[in-house]
Amino acid sequence: MPWERALGGKTMILVNVDSKGRVMLPIGIRYQLDLNAGDRLAIDDLGDGTVIIKKVDTKALFNG
């Protein structure tokens, strides 16, 4: 179950990693990004503890 924590004036949602390495994105984020089962995500590790997750538009990848 995610929970929120104020950090530096900004609210952050904290989630757990399960035993298989999966992270459940909160429903509000899934709605905001229009994420659905089977959607592709790109993950980038900036090396300073920051991880960026972006929804990938696969149509744009193959048409661009």
PDB file of N, CA and C in Angstrom:
ATOM      1  N   MET A   1       0.843  -1.183   0.000  1.00  0.00           N
ATOM      2  CA  MET A   1       0.000   0.000   0.000  1.00  0.00           C
ATOM      3  C   MET A   1       0.885   1.242   0.000  1.00  0.00           C
ATOM      4  N   PRO A   2       0.759   2.100  -0.992  1.00  0.00           N
ATOM      5  CA  PRO A   2       1.586   3.308  -1.018  1.00  0.00           C
ATOM      6  C   PRO A   2       1.186   4.289   0.076  1.00  0.00           C
ATOM      7  N   TRP A   3       2.124   5.089   0.499  1.00  0.00           N
ATOM      8  CA  TRP A   3       1.822   6.155   1.441  1.00  0.00           C
ATOM      9  C   TRP A   3       2.602   7.380   1.049  1.00  0.00           C
ATOM     10  N   GLU A   4       2.091   8.527   1.461  1.00  0.00           N
ATOM     11  CA  GLU A   4       2.681   9.802   1.051  1.00  0.00           C
ATOM     12  C   GLU A   4       3.538  10.375   2.159  1.00  0.00           C
ATOM     13  N   ARG A   5       4.588  11.078   1.749  1.00  0.00           N
ATOM     14  CA  ARG A   5       5.474  11.726   2.698  1.00  0.00           C
ATOM     15  C   ARG A   5       5.907  13.062   2.119  1.00  0.00           C
ATOM     16  N   ALA A   6       5.860  14.084   2.941  1.00  0.00           N
ATOM     17  CA  ALA A   6       6.311  15.403   2.500  1.00  0.00           C
ATOM     18  C   ALA A   6       7.827  15.430   2.538  1.00  0.00           C
ATOM     19  N   LEU A   7       8.431  15.880   1.459  1.00  0.00           N
ATOM     20  CA  LEU A   7       9.879  15.933   1.354  1.00  0.00           C
ATOM     21  C   LEU A   7      10.263  17.234   0.684  1.00  0.00           C
ATOM     22  N   GLY A   8      10.845  18.127   1.434  1.00  0.00           N
ATOM     23  CA  GLY A   8      11.275  19.404   0.863  1.00  0.00           C
ATOM     24  C   GLY A   8      10.135  20.213   0.289  1.00  0.00           C
ATOM     25  N   GLY A   9       8.977  20.188   0.928  1.00  0.00           N
ATOM     26  CA  GLY A   9       7.842  20.955   0.446  1.00  0.00           C
ATOM     27  C   GLY A   9       7.055  20.262  -0.655  1.00  0.00           C
ATOM     28  N   LYS A  10       7.520  19.100  -1.096  1.00  0.00           N
ATOM     29  CA  LYS A  10       6.846  18.366  -2.165  1.00  0.00           C
ATOM     30  C   LYS A  10       6.379  17.023  -1.606  1.00  0.00           C
ATOM     31  N   THR A  11       5.204  16.595  -2.007  1.00  0.00           N
ATOM     32  CA  THR A  11       4.692  15.317  -1.532  1.00  0.00           C
ATOM     33  C   THR A  11       5.180  14.211  -2.456  1.00  0.00           C
ATOM     34  N   MET A  12       5.730  13.175  -1.837  1.00  0.00           N
ATOM     35  CA  MET A  12       6.256  12.039  -2.570  1.00  0.00           C
ATOM     36  C   MET A  12       5.445  10.808  -2.186  1.00  0.00           C
ATOM     37  N   ILE A  13       5.143   9.960  -3.122  1.00  0.00           N
ATOM     38  CA  ILE A  13       4.441   8.717  -2.833  1.00  0.00           C
ATOM     39  C   ILE A  13       5.492   7.619  -2.725  1.00  0.00           C
ATOM     40  N   LEU A  14       5.513   6.925  -1.604  1.00  0.00           N
ATOM     41  CA  LEU A  14       6.469   5.857  -1.378  1.00  0.00           C
ATOM     42  C   LEU A  14       5.785   4.514  -1.608  1.00  0.00           C
ATOM     43  N   VAL A  15       6.453   3.635  -2.346  1.00  0.00           N
ATOM     44  CA  VAL A  15       5.928   2.301  -2.620  1.00  0.00           C
ATOM     45  C   VAL A  15       7.010   1.280  -2.284  1.00  0.00           C
ATOM     46  N   ASN A  16       6.638   0.027  -2.234  1.00  0.00           N
ATOM     47  CA  ASN A  16       7.577  -1.050  -1.938  1.00  0.00           C
ATOM     48  C   ASN A  16       7.931  -1.813  -3.202  1.00  0.00           C
ATOM     49  N   VAL A  17       9.099  -2.436  -3.188  1.00  0.00           N
ATOM     50  CA  VAL A  17       9.508  -3.368  -4.230  1.00  0.00           C
ATOM     51  C   VAL A  17       9.192  -4.761  -3.702  1.00  0.00           C
ATOM     52  N   ASP A  18       8.496  -5.577  -4.525  1.00  0.00           N
ATOM     53  CA  ASP A  18       8.165  -6.912  -4.033  1.00  0.00           C
ATOM     54  C   ASP A  18       9.329  -7.876  -4.274  1.00  0.00           C
ATOM     55  N   SER A  19       9.161  -9.127  -3.875  1.00  0.00           N
ATOM     56  CA  SER A  19      10.249 -10.114  -3.949  1.00  0.00           C
ATOM     57  C   SER A  19      10.688 -10.416  -5.378  1.00  0.00           C
ATOM     58  N   LYS A  20       9.867 -10.057  -6.370  1.00  0.00           N
ATOM     59  CA  LYS A  20      10.226 -10.261  -7.774  1.00  0.00           C
ATOM     60  C   LYS A  20      10.754  -8.987  -8.420  1.00  0.00           C
ATOM     61  N   GLY A  21      10.956  -7.929  -7.615  1.00  0.00           N
ATOM     62  CA  GLY A  21      11.502  -6.676  -8.133  1.00  0.00           C
ATOM     63  C   GLY A  21      10.471  -5.758  -8.750  1.00  0.00           C
ATOM     64  N   ARG A  22       9.201  -6.061  -8.571  1.00  0.00           N
ATOM     65  CA  ARG A  22       8.141  -5.254  -9.164  1.00  0.00           C
ATOM     66  C   ARG A  22       7.764  -4.090  -8.254  1.00  0.00           C
ATOM     67  N   VAL A  23       7.384  -2.986  -8.892  1.00  0.00           N
ATOM     68  CA  VAL A  23       6.914  -1.798  -8.183  1.00  0.00           C
ATOM     69  C   VAL A  23       5.520  -1.483  -8.692  1.00  0.00           C
ATOM     70  N   MET A  24       4.570  -1.299  -7.781  1.00  0.00           N
ATOM     71  CA  MET A  24       3.204  -0.944  -8.163  1.00  0.00           C
ATOM     72  C   MET A  24       3.091   0.569  -8.237  1.00  0.00           C
ATOM     73  N   LEU A  25       2.811   1.089  -9.422  1.00  0.00           N
ATOM     74  CA  LEU A  25       2.599   2.531  -9.562  1.00  0.00           C
ATOM     75  C   LEU A  25       1.208   2.882  -9.058  1.00  0.00           C
ATOM     76  N   PRO A  26       1.088   3.913  -8.241  1.00  0.00           N
ATOM     77  CA  PRO A  26      -0.221   4.305  -7.727  1.00  0.00           C
ATOM     78  C   PRO A  26      -1.190   4.632  -8.860  1.00  0.00           C
ATOM     79  N   ILE A  27      -2.449   4.373  -8.627  1.00  0.00           N
ATOM     80  CA  ILE A  27      -3.472   4.543  -9.659  1.00  0.00           C
ATOM     81  C   ILE A  27      -3.532   5.970 -10.195  1.00  0.00           C
ATOM     82  N   GLY A  28      -3.318   6.954  -9.342  1.00  0.00           N
ATOM     83  CA  GLY A  28      -3.335   8.345  -9.805  1.00  0.00           C
ATOM     84  C   GLY A  28      -2.274   8.618 -10.858  1.00  0.00           C
ATOM     85  N   ILE A  29      -1.089   8.035 -10.681  1.00  0.00           N
ATOM     86  CA  ILE A  29      -0.019   8.196 -11.667  1.00  0.00           C
ATOM     87  C   ILE A  29      -0.371   7.440 -12.941  1.00  0.00           C
ATOM     88  N   ARG A  30      -0.941   6.238 -12.790  1.00  0.00           N
ATOM     89  CA  ARG A  30      -1.328   5.472 -13.988  1.00  0.00           C
ATOM     90  C   ARG A  30      -2.377   6.212 -14.799  1.00  0.00           C
ATOM     91  N   TYR A  31      -3.348   6.832 -14.131  1.00  0.00           N
ATOM     92  CA  TYR A  31      -4.357   7.625 -14.845  1.00  0.00           C
ATOM     93  C   TYR A  31      -3.728   8.853 -15.499  1.00  0.00           C
ATOM     94  N   GLN A  32      -2.885   9.552 -14.756  1.00  0.00           N
ATOM     95  CA  GLN A  32      -2.264  10.782 -15.266  1.00  0.00           C
ATOM     96  C   GLN A  32      -1.432  10.510 -16.517  1.00  0.00           C
ATOM     97  N   LEU A  33      -0.726   9.386 -16.542  1.00  0.00           N
ATOM     98  CA  LEU A  33       0.121   9.041 -17.690  1.00  0.00           C
ATOM     99  C   LEU A  33      -0.593   8.164 -18.710  1.00  0.00           C
ATOM    100  N   ASP A  34      -1.853   7.852 -18.464  1.00  0.00           N
ATOM    101  CA  ASP A  34      -2.639   6.961 -19.326  1.00  0.00           C
ATOM    102  C   ASP A  34      -1.908   5.635 -19.545  1.00  0.00           C
ATOM    103  N   LEU A  35      -1.455   5.038 -18.437  1.00  0.00           N
ATOM    104  CA  LEU A  35      -0.760   3.753 -18.497  1.00  0.00           C
ATOM    105  C   LEU A  35      -1.761   2.616 -18.426  1.00  0.00           C
ATOM    106  N   ASN A  36      -1.583   1.646 -19.297  1.00  0.00           N
ATOM    107  CA  ASN A  36      -2.461   0.487 -19.343  1.00  0.00           C
ATOM    108  C   ASN A  36      -1.617  -0.775 -19.400  1.00  0.00           C
ATOM    109  N   ALA A  37      -2.225  -1.907 -19.069  1.00  0.00           N
ATOM    110  CA  ALA A  37      -1.512  -3.182 -19.121  1.00  0.00           C
ATOM    111  C   ALA A  37      -0.895  -3.367 -20.504  1.00  0.00           C
ATOM    112  N   GLY A  38       0.379  -3.729 -20.526  1.00  0.00           N
ATOM    113  CA  GLY A  38       1.081  -3.956 -21.784  1.00  0.00           C
ATOM    114  C   GLY A  38       1.827  -2.746 -22.318  1.00  0.00           C
ATOM    115  N   ASP A  39       1.591  -1.560 -21.753  1.00  0.00           N
ATOM    116  CA  ASP A  39       2.329  -0.363 -22.196  1.00  0.00           C
ATOM    117  C   ASP A  39       3.815  -0.532 -21.900  1.00  0.00           C
ATOM    118  N   ARG A  40       4.649   0.085 -22.730  1.00  0.00           N
ATOM    119  CA  ARG A  40       6.103   0.022 -22.560  1.00  0.00           C
ATOM    120  C   ARG A  40       6.580   1.243 -21.787  1.00  0.00           C
ATOM    121  N   LEU A  41       7.546   1.025 -20.894  1.00  0.00           N
ATOM    122  CA  LEU A  41       8.146   2.100 -20.121  1.00  0.00           C
ATOM    123  C   LEU A  41       9.654   2.086 -20.343  1.00  0.00           C
ATOM    124  N   ALA A  42      10.245   3.267 -20.446  1.00  0.00           N
ATOM    125  CA  ALA A  42      11.699   3.404 -20.528  1.00  0.00           C
ATOM    126  C   ALA A  42      12.190   3.809 -19.144  1.00  0.00           C
ATOM    127  N   ILE A  43      13.261   3.171 -18.676  1.00  0.00           N
ATOM    128  CA  ILE A  43      13.805   3.451 -17.359  1.00  0.00           C
ATOM    129  C   ILE A  43      15.247   3.896 -17.517  1.00  0.00           C
ATOM    130  N   ASP A  44      15.570   5.037 -16.890  1.00  0.00           N
ATOM    131  CA  ASP A  44      16.913   5.596 -16.973  1.00  0.00           C
ATOM    132  C   ASP A  44      17.446   5.828 -15.569  1.00  0.00           C
ATOM    133  N   ASP A  45      18.615   5.294 -15.274  1.00  0.00           N
ATOM    134  CA  ASP A  45      19.271   5.483 -13.986  1.00  0.00           C
ATOM    135  C   ASP A  45      20.294   6.598 -14.145  1.00  0.00           C
ATOM    136  N   LEU A  46      20.083   7.709 -13.437  1.00  0.00           N
ATOM    137  CA  LEU A  46      20.971   8.857 -13.560  1.00  0.00           C
ATOM    138  C   LEU A  46      22.259   8.690 -12.757  1.00  0.00           C
ATOM    139  N   GLY A  47      22.344   7.630 -11.959  1.00  0.00           N
ATOM    140  CA  GLY A  47      23.571   7.345 -11.243  1.00  0.00           C
ATOM    141  C   GLY A  47      23.708   8.037  -9.902  1.00  0.00           C
ATOM    142  N   ASP A  48      22.770   8.879  -9.550  1.00  0.00           N
ATOM    143  CA  ASP A  48      22.834   9.585  -8.266  1.00  0.00           C
ATOM    144  C   ASP A  48      21.686   9.166  -7.351  1.00  0.00           C
ATOM    145  N   GLY A  49      21.112   7.995  -7.623  1.00  0.00           N
ATOM    146  CA  GLY A  49      19.958   7.531  -6.855  1.00  0.00           C
ATOM    147  C   GLY A  49      18.636   7.922  -7.483  1.00  0.00           C
ATOM    148  N   THR A  50      18.699   8.655  -8.594  1.00  0.00           N
ATOM    149  CA  THR A  50      17.496   9.087  -9.292  1.00  0.00           C
ATOM    150  C   THR A  50      17.208   8.137 -10.447  1.00  0.00           C
ATOM    151  N   VAL A  51      15.967   7.685 -10.532  1.00  0.00           N
ATOM    152  CA  VAL A  51      15.522   6.833 -11.632  1.00  0.00           C
ATOM    153  C   VAL A  51      14.371   7.551 -12.316  1.00  0.00           C
ATOM    154  N   ILE A  52      14.437   7.625 -13.636  1.00  0.00           N
ATOM    155  CA  ILE A  52      13.379   8.267 -14.419  1.00  0.00           C
ATOM    156  C   ILE A  52      12.627   7.175 -15.169  1.00  0.00           C
ATOM    157  N   ILE A  53      11.309   7.216 -15.075  1.00  0.00           N
ATOM    158  CA  ILE A  53      10.454   6.274 -15.796  1.00  0.00           C
ATOM    159  C   ILE A  53       9.579   7.082 -16.740  1.00  0.00           C
ATOM    160  N   LYS A  54       9.602   6.724 -18.033  1.00  0.00           N
ATOM    161  CA  LYS A  54       8.799   7.432 -19.034  1.00  0.00           C
ATOM    162  C   LYS A  54       7.989   6.431 -19.841  1.00  0.00           C
ATOM    163  N   LYS A  55       6.776   6.834 -20.157  1.00  0.00           N
ATOM    164  CA  LYS A  55       5.953   6.020 -21.051  1.00  0.00           C
ATOM    165  C   LYS A  55       6.518   6.156 -22.458  1.00  0.00           C
ATOM    166  N   VAL A  56       6.630   5.035 -23.162  1.00  0.00           N
ATOM    167  CA  VAL A  56       7.170   5.025 -24.515  1.00  0.00           C
ATOM    168  C   VAL A  56       6.018   4.965 -25.500  1.00  0.00           C
ATOM    169  N   ASP A  57       6.008   5.882 -26.451  1.00  0.00           N
ATOM    170  CA  ASP A  57       5.019   5.861 -27.528  1.00  0.00           C
ATOM    171  C   ASP A  57       5.588   4.982 -28.640  1.00  0.00           C
ATOM    172  N   THR A  58       5.207   3.702 -28.640  1.00  0.00           N
ATOM    173  CA  THR A  58       5.770   2.767 -29.602  1.00  0.00           C
ATOM    174  C   THR A  58       5.397   3.124 -31.038  1.00  0.00           C
ATOM    175  N   LYS A  59       4.262   3.764 -31.248  1.00  0.00           N
ATOM    176  CA  LYS A  59       3.884   4.196 -32.606  1.00  0.00           C
ATOM    177  C   LYS A  59       4.888   5.215 -33.125  1.00  0.00           C
ATOM    178  N   ALA A  60       5.293   6.161 -32.277  1.00  0.00           N
ATOM    179  CA  ALA A  60       6.250   7.180 -32.678  1.00  0.00           C
ATOM    180  C   ALA A  60       7.621   6.567 -32.954  1.00  0.00           C
ATOM    181  N   LEU A  61       7.990   5.526 -32.199  1.00  0.00           N
ATOM    182  CA  LEU A  61       9.277   4.875 -32.416  1.00  0.00           C
ATOM    183  C   LEU A  61       9.369   4.246 -33.807  1.00  0.00           C
ATOM    184  N   PHE A  62       8.284   3.613 -34.228  1.00  0.00           N
ATOM    185  CA  PHE A  62       8.322   2.910 -35.501  1.00  0.00           C
ATOM    186  C   PHE A  62       7.944   3.790 -36.683  1.00  0.00           C
ATOM    187  N   ASN A  63       7.299   4.930 -36.445  1.00  0.00           N
ATOM    188  CA  ASN A  63       6.911   5.825 -37.526  1.00  0.00           C
ATOM    189  C   ASN A  63       7.871   6.984 -37.709  1.00  0.00           C
ATOM    190  N   GLY A  64       8.781   7.193 -36.738  1.00  0.00           N
ATOM    191  CA  GLY A  64       9.667   8.354 -36.763  1.00  0.00           C
ATOM    192  C   GLY A  64      10.889   8.069 -37.486  1.00  0.00           C
TER     193      GLY A  64
END
